[in-house]
Amino acid sequence: MKKCWDLDPFNRPTIITLENIISEWIKCINRYYAANSDGNYLYEVPDINNQLKIGMLEFIEANEA
């Protein structure tokens, strides 16, 4: 999220990069709902890499600010 606000436009992510990140978030959310479809909520998404998790949390925190 912070990279999007960089003063130097060349340091900002491209639309392709953003699309890839958001697509991964959507896949992650879909896996969460699939894993919890039986009502026994795990609150963990299987097969999520740590960098993706950090990116999602950073976005949520920025959205709450």
C-alpha atoms as a PDB file:
ATOM      1  CA  MET A   1       0.000   0.000   0.000  1.00  0.00           C
ATOM      2  CA  LYS A   2       2.779   2.417   0.907  1.00  0.00           C
ATOM      3  CA  LYS A   3       4.487   1.789  -2.430  1.00  0.00           C
ATOM      4  CA  CYS A   4       1.406   3.182  -4.190  1.00  0.00           C
ATOM      5  CA  TRP A   5       1.989   6.538  -2.502  1.00  0.00           C
ATOM      6  CA  ASP A   6       5.692   6.816  -3.331  1.00  0.00           C
ATOM      7  CA  LEU A   7       6.608  10.295  -4.545  1.00  0.00           C
ATOM      8  CA  ASP A   8       8.582   8.786  -7.412  1.00  0.00           C
ATOM      9  CA  PRO A   9       6.105   7.265  -9.896  1.00  0.00           C
ATOM     10  CA  PHE A  10       8.745   4.764 -11.046  1.00  0.00           C
ATOM     11  CA  ASN A  11       8.762   3.220  -7.549  1.00  0.00           C
ATOM     12  CA  ARG A  12       5.000   2.637  -7.620  1.00  0.00           C
ATOM     13  CA  PRO A  13       3.619  -0.766  -8.631  1.00  0.00           C
ATOM     14  CA  THR A  14       2.227  -1.145 -12.125  1.00  0.00           C
ATOM     15  CA  ILE A  15      -1.425  -1.926 -12.751  1.00  0.00           C
ATOM     16  CA  ILE A  16      -0.354  -5.460 -13.722  1.00  0.00           C
ATOM     17  CA  THR A  17       1.387  -5.926 -10.374  1.00  0.00           C
ATOM     18  CA  LEU A  18      -1.661  -4.615  -8.523  1.00  0.00           C
ATOM     19  CA  GLU A  19      -3.955  -6.899 -10.516  1.00  0.00           C
ATOM     20  CA  ASN A  20      -1.795  -9.910  -9.634  1.00  0.00           C
ATOM     21  CA  ILE A  21      -1.792  -9.022  -5.933  1.00  0.00           C
ATOM     22  CA  ILE A  22      -5.553  -8.479  -5.817  1.00  0.00           C
ATOM     23  CA  SER A  23      -6.133 -11.724  -7.729  1.00  0.00           C
ATOM     24  CA  GLU A  24      -4.081 -13.586  -5.125  1.00  0.00           C
ATOM     25  CA  TRP A  25      -6.131 -11.954  -2.345  1.00  0.00           C
ATOM     26  CA  ILE A  26      -9.346 -13.100  -4.017  1.00  0.00           C
ATOM     27  CA  LYS A  27      -8.000 -16.659  -4.331  1.00  0.00           C
ATOM     28  CA  CYS A  28      -7.023 -16.541  -0.661  1.00  0.00           C
ATOM     29  CA  ILE A  29     -10.492 -15.368   0.380  1.00  0.00           C
ATOM     30  CA  ASN A  30     -12.092 -18.100  -1.732  1.00  0.00           C
ATOM     31  CA  ARG A  31      -9.860 -20.730  -0.073  1.00  0.00           C
ATOM     32  CA  TYR A  32     -10.863 -19.349   3.342  1.00  0.00           C
ATOM     33  CA  TYR A  33     -14.560 -19.748   2.567  1.00  0.00           C
ATOM     34  CA  ALA A  34     -14.011 -23.205   1.079  1.00  0.00           C
ATOM     35  CA  ALA A  35     -12.050 -24.325   4.159  1.00  0.00           C
ATOM     36  CA  ASN A  36     -14.750 -22.991   6.479  1.00  0.00           C
ATOM     37  CA  SER A  37     -17.821 -24.048   4.505  1.00  0.00           C
ATOM     38  CA  ASP A  38     -18.702 -26.667   7.125  1.00  0.00           C
ATOM     39  CA  GLY A  39     -19.154 -24.009   9.825  1.00  0.00           C
ATOM     40  CA  ASN A  40     -16.031 -24.975  11.777  1.00  0.00           C
ATOM     41  CA  TYR A  41     -14.086 -21.769  11.320  1.00  0.00           C
ATOM     42  CA  LEU A  42     -10.341 -22.246  11.179  1.00  0.00           C
ATOM     43  CA  TYR A  43      -9.480 -18.550  10.783  1.00  0.00           C
ATOM     44  CA  GLU A  44      -6.428 -19.668   8.841  1.00  0.00           C
ATOM     45  CA  VAL A  45      -6.163 -20.007   5.118  1.00  0.00           C
ATOM     46  CA  PRO A  46      -4.337 -23.098   3.943  1.00  0.00           C
ATOM     47  CA  ASP A  47      -1.390 -22.551   1.605  1.00  0.00           C
ATOM     48  CA  ILE A  48      -1.100 -18.776   2.073  1.00  0.00           C
ATOM     49  CA  ASN A  49       2.416 -17.460   1.831  1.00  0.00           C
ATOM     50  CA  ASN A  50       3.638 -15.060   4.493  1.00  0.00           C
ATOM     51  CA  GLN A  51       4.237 -12.137   2.105  1.00  0.00           C
ATOM     52  CA  LEU A  52       0.655 -12.345   0.850  1.00  0.00           C
ATOM     53  CA  LYS A  53      -0.612 -12.384   4.438  1.00  0.00           C
ATOM     54  CA  ILE A  54       1.521  -9.343   5.343  1.00  0.00           C
ATOM     55  CA  GLY A  55       0.257  -7.458   2.285  1.00  0.00           C
ATOM     56  CA  MET A  56      -3.362  -8.171   3.132  1.00  0.00           C
ATOM     57  CA  LEU A  57      -2.909  -7.082   6.756  1.00  0.00           C
ATOM     58  CA  GLU A  58      -1.127  -3.892   5.667  1.00  0.00           C
ATOM     59  CA  PHE A  59      -4.029  -3.067   3.354  1.00  0.00           C
ATOM     60  CA  ILE A  60      -6.594  -3.690   6.103  1.00  0.00           C
ATOM     61  CA  GLU A  61      -4.690  -1.514   8.582  1.00  0.00           C
ATOM     62  CA  ALA A  62      -4.387   1.318   6.055  1.00  0.00           C
ATOM     63  CA  ASN A  63      -8.093   1.056   5.302  1.00  0.00           C
ATOM     64  CA  GLU A  64      -8.948   1.387   9.012  1.00  0.00           C
ATOM     65  CA  ALA A  65      -6.797   4.514   9.433  1.00  0.00           C
END
